[in-house]
Amino acid sequence: MAGWFELSKSSDGQFRFVLKAGNAETILTSELYKTKSSAENGIESVQKNAAQEERYERKESTNGKWFFNLKAANHQVIGSSQMYASAQSRDAGIESVKTNGATKTVKDNS
């Protein structure tokens, strides 16, 4: 099964989206947006940028966990991954975003 985006509204009225892999695991989480249309633009940005290797910023946190950010052409962070135990797992997460990020399926839970 292919991945999908889920768009939701937080308790404070802001919007966010997550990208889910085909197994329903969250592989990318956006920051909060003030408007639904801004969150939808974020989804479009993921769809455009997910396949491009140079858009990924690979990082290690201070606690030794690994994660990545997906950035737009203007270097703004579009979304961030969960924390991974190894760099290898983080890189597998990036591959999953590359595979699933172009999906046009958006489940609007807002």
N, C-alpha and C. Protein backbone atom coordinates (compact mmCIF):
# COMPACT_ATOMS: atom_id res chain seq x y z
N MET A 1 0.83 -1.19 0.00
CA MET A 1 0.00 0.00 0.00
C MET A 1 0.88 1.25 0.00
N ALA A 2 0.45 2.24 -0.73
CA ALA A 2 1.20 3.49 -0.82
C ALA A 2 0.96 4.34 0.42
N GLY A 3 1.83 5.29 0.63
CA GLY A 3 1.70 6.19 1.76
C GLY A 3 0.64 7.26 1.52
N TRP A 4 0.44 8.12 2.54
CA TRP A 4 -0.54 9.18 2.46
C TRP A 4 -0.19 10.28 3.46
N PHE A 5 -0.81 11.43 3.25
CA PHE A 5 -0.69 12.54 4.18
C PHE A 5 -1.95 12.56 5.05
N GLU A 6 -1.78 12.95 6.30
CA GLU A 6 -2.91 13.22 7.18
C GLU A 6 -2.80 14.66 7.64
N LEU A 7 -3.85 15.42 7.41
CA LEU A 7 -3.92 16.82 7.80
C LEU A 7 -4.82 16.92 9.01
N SER A 8 -4.35 17.58 10.06
CA SER A 8 -5.15 17.68 11.28
C SER A 8 -5.05 19.07 11.88
N LYS A 9 -5.98 19.34 12.80
CA LYS A 9 -6.03 20.62 13.51
C LYS A 9 -5.69 20.36 14.96
N SER A 10 -4.78 21.14 15.52
CA SER A 10 -4.38 20.96 16.91
C SER A 10 -5.38 21.65 17.84
N SER A 11 -5.24 21.39 19.11
CA SER A 11 -6.18 21.94 20.09
C SER A 11 -6.14 23.47 20.15
N ASP A 12 -5.04 24.07 19.72
CA ASP A 12 -4.97 25.54 19.72
C ASP A 12 -5.39 26.16 18.39
N GLY A 13 -5.95 25.34 17.49
CA GLY A 13 -6.50 25.85 16.24
C GLY A 13 -5.51 25.90 15.08
N GLN A 14 -4.28 25.47 15.30
CA GLN A 14 -3.30 25.45 14.22
C GLN A 14 -3.37 24.12 13.48
N PHE A 15 -2.72 24.06 12.33
CA PHE A 15 -2.78 22.89 11.47
C PHE A 15 -1.40 22.26 11.33
N ARG A 16 -1.40 20.95 11.12
CA ARG A 16 -0.15 20.23 10.84
C ARG A 16 -0.49 19.05 9.96
N PHE A 17 0.55 18.52 9.33
CA PHE A 17 0.35 17.29 8.57
C PHE A 17 1.45 16.30 8.93
N VAL A 18 1.14 15.05 8.71
CA VAL A 18 2.13 13.99 8.81
C VAL A 18 2.09 13.20 7.51
N LEU A 19 3.25 12.64 7.16
CA LEU A 19 3.33 11.71 6.03
C LEU A 19 3.44 10.32 6.62
N LYS A 20 2.54 9.44 6.20
CA LYS A 20 2.53 8.06 6.68
C LYS A 20 3.03 7.15 5.57
N ALA A 21 3.79 6.14 5.97
CA ALA A 21 4.21 5.10 5.03
C ALA A 21 3.05 4.13 4.82
N GLY A 22 3.18 3.24 3.88
CA GLY A 22 2.13 2.28 3.59
C GLY A 22 1.74 1.41 4.79
N ASN A 23 2.67 1.25 5.76
CA ASN A 23 2.38 0.46 6.95
C ASN A 23 1.79 1.32 8.07
N ALA A 24 1.41 2.55 7.77
CA ALA A 24 0.79 3.52 8.68
C ALA A 24 1.76 4.15 9.68
N GLU A 25 3.05 3.90 9.51
CA GLU A 25 4.04 4.53 10.39
C GLU A 25 4.27 5.97 9.95
N THR A 26 4.30 6.90 10.90
CA THR A 26 4.58 8.30 10.60
C THR A 26 6.06 8.44 10.24
N ILE A 27 6.34 8.99 9.08
CA ILE A 27 7.73 9.14 8.64
C ILE A 27 8.18 10.58 8.52
N LEU A 28 7.24 11.53 8.55
CA LEU A 28 7.58 12.94 8.49
C LEU A 28 6.47 13.73 9.16
N THR A 29 6.84 14.70 10.00
CA THR A 29 5.87 15.54 10.70
C THR A 29 6.19 17.00 10.42
N SER A 30 5.15 17.76 10.10
CA SER A 30 5.35 19.18 9.81
C SER A 30 5.38 19.99 11.10
N GLU A 31 5.76 21.23 10.95
CA GLU A 31 5.61 22.19 12.03
C GLU A 31 4.15 22.64 12.03
N LEU A 32 3.77 23.46 12.99
CA LEU A 32 2.41 23.97 13.04
C LEU A 32 2.24 25.16 12.10
N TYR A 33 1.09 25.21 11.45
CA TYR A 33 0.74 26.29 10.54
C TYR A 33 -0.49 27.00 11.07
N LYS A 34 -0.55 28.31 10.88
CA LYS A 34 -1.69 29.09 11.36
C LYS A 34 -2.96 28.85 10.55
N THR A 35 -2.80 28.53 9.27
CA THR A 35 -3.96 28.32 8.40
C THR A 35 -3.89 26.95 7.72
N LYS A 36 -5.06 26.46 7.37
CA LYS A 36 -5.14 25.19 6.66
C LYS A 36 -4.47 25.29 5.30
N SER A 37 -4.65 26.40 4.60
CA SER A 37 -4.05 26.54 3.27
C SER A 37 -2.52 26.52 3.36
N SER A 38 -1.95 27.06 4.42
CA SER A 38 -0.50 27.00 4.60
C SER A 38 -0.04 25.56 4.79
N ALA A 39 -0.79 24.78 5.55
CA ALA A 39 -0.45 23.37 5.74
C ALA A 39 -0.57 22.61 4.41
N GLU A 40 -1.59 22.94 3.63
CA GLU A 40 -1.74 22.30 2.32
C GLU A 40 -0.58 22.67 1.40
N ASN A 41 -0.10 23.91 1.49
CA ASN A 41 1.09 24.31 0.72
C ASN A 41 2.30 23.52 1.18
N GLY A 42 2.40 23.22 2.48
CA GLY A 42 3.48 22.40 3.00
C GLY A 42 3.45 21.00 2.41
N ILE A 43 2.27 20.43 2.29
CA ILE A 43 2.12 19.11 1.67
C ILE A 43 2.61 19.16 0.23
N GLU A 44 2.21 20.19 -0.50
CA GLU A 44 2.66 20.34 -1.89
C GLU A 44 4.18 20.45 -1.96
N SER A 45 4.76 21.11 -0.99
CA SER A 45 6.22 21.25 -0.97
C SER A 45 6.90 19.90 -0.74
N VAL A 46 6.33 19.08 0.13
CA VAL A 46 6.87 17.73 0.32
C VAL A 46 6.78 16.96 -0.99
N GLN A 47 5.63 17.03 -1.65
CA GLN A 47 5.44 16.31 -2.90
C GLN A 47 6.49 16.72 -3.93
N LYS A 48 6.86 18.00 -3.95
CA LYS A 48 7.85 18.51 -4.90
C LYS A 48 9.28 18.16 -4.53
N ASN A 49 9.58 18.15 -3.24
CA ASN A 49 10.97 18.06 -2.78
C ASN A 49 11.41 16.69 -2.29
N ALA A 50 10.48 15.80 -2.00
CA ALA A 50 10.82 14.53 -1.34
C ALA A 50 11.81 13.68 -2.13
N ALA A 51 11.75 13.71 -3.43
CA ALA A 51 12.62 12.84 -4.24
C ALA A 51 14.05 13.37 -4.38
N GLN A 52 14.29 14.60 -3.95
CA GLN A 52 15.58 15.25 -4.19
C GLN A 52 16.53 15.06 -3.00
N GLU A 53 17.56 14.29 -3.22
CA GLU A 53 18.53 13.95 -2.17
C GLU A 53 19.08 15.18 -1.45
N GLU A 54 19.34 16.24 -2.20
CA GLU A 54 19.96 17.42 -1.60
C GLU A 54 19.03 18.18 -0.66
N ARG A 55 17.78 17.82 -0.61
CA ARG A 55 16.82 18.49 0.28
C ARG A 55 16.82 17.92 1.71
N TYR A 56 17.58 16.86 1.93
CA TYR A 56 17.60 16.22 3.26
C TYR A 56 18.79 16.69 4.07
N GLU A 57 18.50 17.08 5.29
CA GLU A 57 19.53 17.47 6.24
C GLU A 57 19.59 16.36 7.29
N ARG A 58 20.70 15.62 7.30
CA ARG A 58 20.89 14.51 8.23
C ARG A 58 21.55 15.04 9.50
N LYS A 59 20.96 14.70 10.65
CA LYS A 59 21.45 15.28 11.89
C LYS A 59 21.55 14.22 12.99
N GLU A 60 22.37 14.55 13.99
CA GLU A 60 22.44 13.75 15.21
C GLU A 60 22.12 14.67 16.38
N SER A 61 21.22 14.24 17.26
CA SER A 61 20.84 15.07 18.39
C SER A 61 21.88 14.96 19.51
N THR A 62 21.76 15.81 20.49
CA THR A 62 22.72 15.80 21.60
C THR A 62 22.65 14.53 22.43
N ASN A 63 21.52 13.81 22.36
CA ASN A 63 21.39 12.56 23.11
C ASN A 63 21.82 11.33 22.30
N GLY A 64 22.45 11.57 21.13
CA GLY A 64 22.96 10.46 20.33
C GLY A 64 21.95 9.81 19.41
N LYS A 65 20.74 10.35 19.33
CA LYS A 65 19.73 9.83 18.40
C LYS A 65 19.89 10.55 17.06
N TRP A 66 19.41 9.91 16.02
CA TRP A 66 19.55 10.41 14.65
C TRP A 66 18.20 10.84 14.11
N PHE A 67 18.19 11.89 13.28
CA PHE A 67 16.95 12.36 12.65
C PHE A 67 17.30 13.12 11.38
N PHE A 68 16.27 13.51 10.65
CA PHE A 68 16.49 14.33 9.45
C PHE A 68 15.41 15.37 9.31
N ASN A 69 15.74 16.41 8.58
CA ASN A 69 14.78 17.43 8.16
C ASN A 69 14.71 17.41 6.65
N LEU A 70 13.51 17.61 6.14
CA LEU A 70 13.31 17.82 4.70
C LEU A 70 13.15 19.31 4.51
N LYS A 71 13.96 19.88 3.63
CA LYS A 71 13.94 21.32 3.40
C LYS A 71 13.49 21.65 1.99
N ALA A 72 12.86 22.81 1.86
CA ALA A 72 12.46 23.32 0.55
C ALA A 72 13.66 23.99 -0.11
N ALA A 73 13.48 24.42 -1.34
CA ALA A 73 14.55 25.08 -2.09
C ALA A 73 15.05 26.33 -1.37
N ASN A 74 14.19 26.99 -0.59
CA ASN A 74 14.57 28.20 0.14
C ASN A 74 15.21 27.87 1.50
N HIS A 75 15.49 26.59 1.73
CA HIS A 75 16.14 26.09 2.95
C HIS A 75 15.26 26.10 4.19
N GLN A 76 13.97 26.37 4.03
CA GLN A 76 13.03 26.29 5.15
C GLN A 76 12.70 24.81 5.41
N VAL A 77 12.61 24.44 6.68
CA VAL A 77 12.26 23.07 7.03
C VAL A 77 10.78 22.85 6.72
N ILE A 78 10.49 21.80 5.95
CA ILE A 78 9.12 21.43 5.62
C ILE A 78 8.60 20.44 6.66
N GLY A 79 9.46 19.51 7.03
CA GLY A 79 9.07 18.49 8.00
C GLY A 79 10.29 17.82 8.60
N SER A 80 10.06 17.16 9.73
CA SER A 80 11.14 16.48 10.45
C SER A 80 10.73 15.05 10.74
N SER A 81 11.74 14.21 10.90
CA SER A 81 11.50 12.80 11.18
C SER A 81 11.39 12.57 12.68
N GLN A 82 11.09 11.36 13.03
CA GLN A 82 11.19 10.90 14.41
C GLN A 82 12.66 10.74 14.74
N MET A 83 12.95 10.37 15.97
CA MET A 83 14.32 10.06 16.37
C MET A 83 14.58 8.58 16.09
N TYR A 84 15.76 8.29 15.57
CA TYR A 84 16.16 6.93 15.25
C TYR A 84 17.36 6.53 16.10
N ALA A 85 17.49 5.24 16.35
CA ALA A 85 18.59 4.72 17.16
C ALA A 85 19.91 4.71 16.41
N SER A 86 19.86 4.67 15.08
CA SER A 86 21.10 4.60 14.30
C SER A 86 20.99 5.47 13.04
N ALA A 87 22.14 5.83 12.51
CA ALA A 87 22.18 6.58 11.27
C ALA A 87 21.59 5.75 10.13
N GLN A 88 21.81 4.45 10.18
CA GLN A 88 21.29 3.54 9.15
C GLN A 88 19.76 3.56 9.15
N SER A 89 19.15 3.55 10.34
CA SER A 89 17.68 3.62 10.43
C SER A 89 17.16 4.96 9.93
N ARG A 90 17.87 6.04 10.27
CA ARG A 90 17.49 7.36 9.78
C ARG A 90 17.52 7.40 8.26
N ASP A 91 18.57 6.83 7.67
CA ASP A 91 18.68 6.82 6.21
C ASP A 91 17.57 6.00 5.57
N ALA A 92 17.14 4.93 6.23
CA ALA A 92 16.00 4.15 5.74
C ALA A 92 14.73 4.99 5.79
N GLY A 93 14.61 5.83 6.82
CA GLY A 93 13.47 6.75 6.91
C GLY A 93 13.46 7.74 5.77
N ILE A 94 14.62 8.24 5.40
CA ILE A 94 14.72 9.15 4.26
C ILE A 94 14.26 8.45 2.98
N GLU A 95 14.70 7.22 2.79
CA GLU A 95 14.29 6.47 1.61
C GLU A 95 12.77 6.28 1.58
N SER A 96 12.17 6.08 2.75
CA SER A 96 10.72 5.94 2.83
C SER A 96 10.01 7.24 2.45
N VAL A 97 10.55 8.37 2.88
CA VAL A 97 9.96 9.65 2.49
C VAL A 97 10.11 9.85 0.98
N LYS A 98 11.24 9.48 0.44
CA LYS A 98 11.43 9.59 -1.02
C LYS A 98 10.40 8.75 -1.76
N THR A 99 10.13 7.55 -1.25
CA THR A 99 9.18 6.64 -1.88
C THR A 99 7.73 7.11 -1.74
N ASN A 100 7.37 7.61 -0.56
CA ASN A 100 5.98 7.93 -0.26
C ASN A 100 5.61 9.40 -0.40
N GLY A 101 6.61 10.27 -0.48
CA GLY A 101 6.35 11.71 -0.45
C GLY A 101 5.61 12.28 -1.64
N ALA A 102 5.61 11.60 -2.75
CA ALA A 102 4.92 12.12 -3.94
C ALA A 102 3.43 11.79 -3.95
N THR A 103 2.97 11.03 -2.97
CA THR A 103 1.56 10.63 -2.95
C THR A 103 0.62 11.83 -3.04
N LYS A 104 -0.47 11.65 -3.73
CA LYS A 104 -1.49 12.70 -3.83
C LYS A 104 -2.62 12.46 -2.82
N THR A 105 -2.54 11.36 -2.08
CA THR A 105 -3.60 11.03 -1.12
C THR A 105 -3.44 11.87 0.14
N VAL A 106 -4.48 12.64 0.46
CA VAL A 106 -4.50 13.46 1.67
C VAL A 106 -5.77 13.14 2.42
N LYS A 107 -5.61 12.66 3.65
CA LYS A 107 -6.75 12.40 4.52
C LYS A 107 -6.91 13.61 5.41
N ASP A 108 -8.00 14.34 5.19
CA ASP A 108 -8.23 15.58 5.93
C ASP A 108 -9.01 15.28 7.21
N ASN A 109 -8.31 15.32 8.32
CA ASN A 109 -8.92 15.08 9.64
C ASN A 109 -9.16 16.37 10.41
N SER A 110 -9.05 17.48 9.70
CA SER A 110 -9.21 18.77 10.41
C SER A 110 -10.67 19.09 10.58
